[in-house]
Every structure is written in C-alpha cells, then in structure tokens.
Amino acid sequence: MNELIEKINTEFNAFKADAELQSEKSNKAAGTRARKASLILEKLLKEFRKESLDSSKA
C-alpha cells in the first residue's frame, strides 16, 4: 500500500507542475502531459480505493 501511495504522490506532483505550466505560461505540451497524468492518477486512485476497502475488511 505504501508503494501505491508513493506512486500517487509522484504522479500528482507531475500533474501539478504541468498544470501550473499550462495555466501560467499557456504551454500546450504541458497541458497534454497534465491530462495524461490525470488519467494515470484516476487509475491509481481506483486501485487505492480497492486496496483500502480490502484492508479494512481484513
């Protein structure tokens, strides 16, 4: 579970940096990277939710 949390933190930091570049400097490539990171985050957060529910049942 700790490894998953670390992956989520890493991906969120990448998303945050790219989203800031897009909004502050109108960097289109950063916007693309931010959207890709958001999709990866979505998958990681679903996996976290599943693991969290499994561990609470045990």
Protein backbone atom coordinates (compact mmCIF):
# COMPACT_ATOMS: atom_id res chain seq x y z
CA MET A 1 0.00 0.00 0.00
CA ASN A 2 2.88 2.39 0.78
CA GLU A 3 4.30 1.84 -2.70
CA LEU A 4 0.94 2.76 -4.21
CA ILE A 5 0.75 5.93 -2.12
CA GLU A 6 4.25 6.88 -3.29
CA LYS A 7 3.20 6.37 -6.94
CA ILE A 8 0.13 8.57 -6.37
CA ASN A 9 2.27 11.33 -4.80
CA THR A 10 4.80 11.20 -7.63
CA GLU A 11 2.13 11.34 -10.32
CA PHE A 12 0.27 14.14 -8.55
CA ASN A 13 3.43 16.23 -8.33
CA ALA A 14 4.00 15.75 -12.06
CA PHE A 15 0.37 16.71 -12.74
CA LYS A 16 0.63 19.80 -10.55
CA ALA A 17 3.80 21.02 -12.24
CA ASP A 18 2.39 20.54 -15.74
CA ALA A 19 -0.98 22.07 -14.86
CA GLU A 20 0.77 25.16 -13.47
CA LEU A 21 2.87 25.50 -16.63
CA GLN A 22 -0.25 25.28 -18.76
CA SER A 23 -2.21 27.83 -16.78
CA GLU A 24 0.62 30.30 -16.18
CA LYS A 25 2.51 30.14 -19.47
CA SER A 26 -0.11 28.66 -21.83
CA ASN A 27 2.21 25.73 -22.51
CA LYS A 28 0.18 23.37 -24.70
CA ALA A 29 2.56 20.42 -24.29
CA ALA A 30 2.30 20.74 -20.51
CA GLY A 31 -1.47 20.61 -20.85
CA THR A 32 -1.21 17.34 -22.72
CA ARG A 33 1.10 15.91 -20.06
CA ALA A 34 -1.27 17.10 -17.30
CA ARG A 35 -4.25 15.41 -18.95
CA LYS A 36 -2.27 12.18 -19.32
CA ALA A 37 -1.20 12.38 -15.66
CA SER A 38 -4.84 12.89 -14.62
CA LEU A 39 -5.82 9.65 -16.36
CA ILE A 40 -2.99 7.78 -14.64
CA LEU A 41 -3.99 9.31 -11.30
CA GLU A 42 -7.56 8.17 -11.84
CA LYS A 43 -6.40 4.56 -12.26
CA LEU A 44 -4.07 4.76 -9.25
CA LEU A 45 -6.78 6.25 -7.04
CA LYS A 46 -9.22 3.49 -8.03
CA GLU A 47 -6.56 0.93 -7.14
CA PHE A 48 -6.00 2.71 -3.80
CA ARG A 49 -9.72 2.63 -3.07
CA LYS A 50 -9.85 -1.11 -3.80
CA GLU A 51 -6.84 -1.86 -1.60
CA SER A 52 -8.16 0.37 1.16
CA LEU A 53 -11.51 -1.43 1.20
CA ASP A 54 -9.80 -4.82 1.16
CA SER A 55 -7.57 -3.92 4.10
CA SER A 56 -10.49 -2.56 6.12
CA LYS A 57 -12.39 -5.83 5.65
CA ALA A 58 -9.48 -7.94 6.89
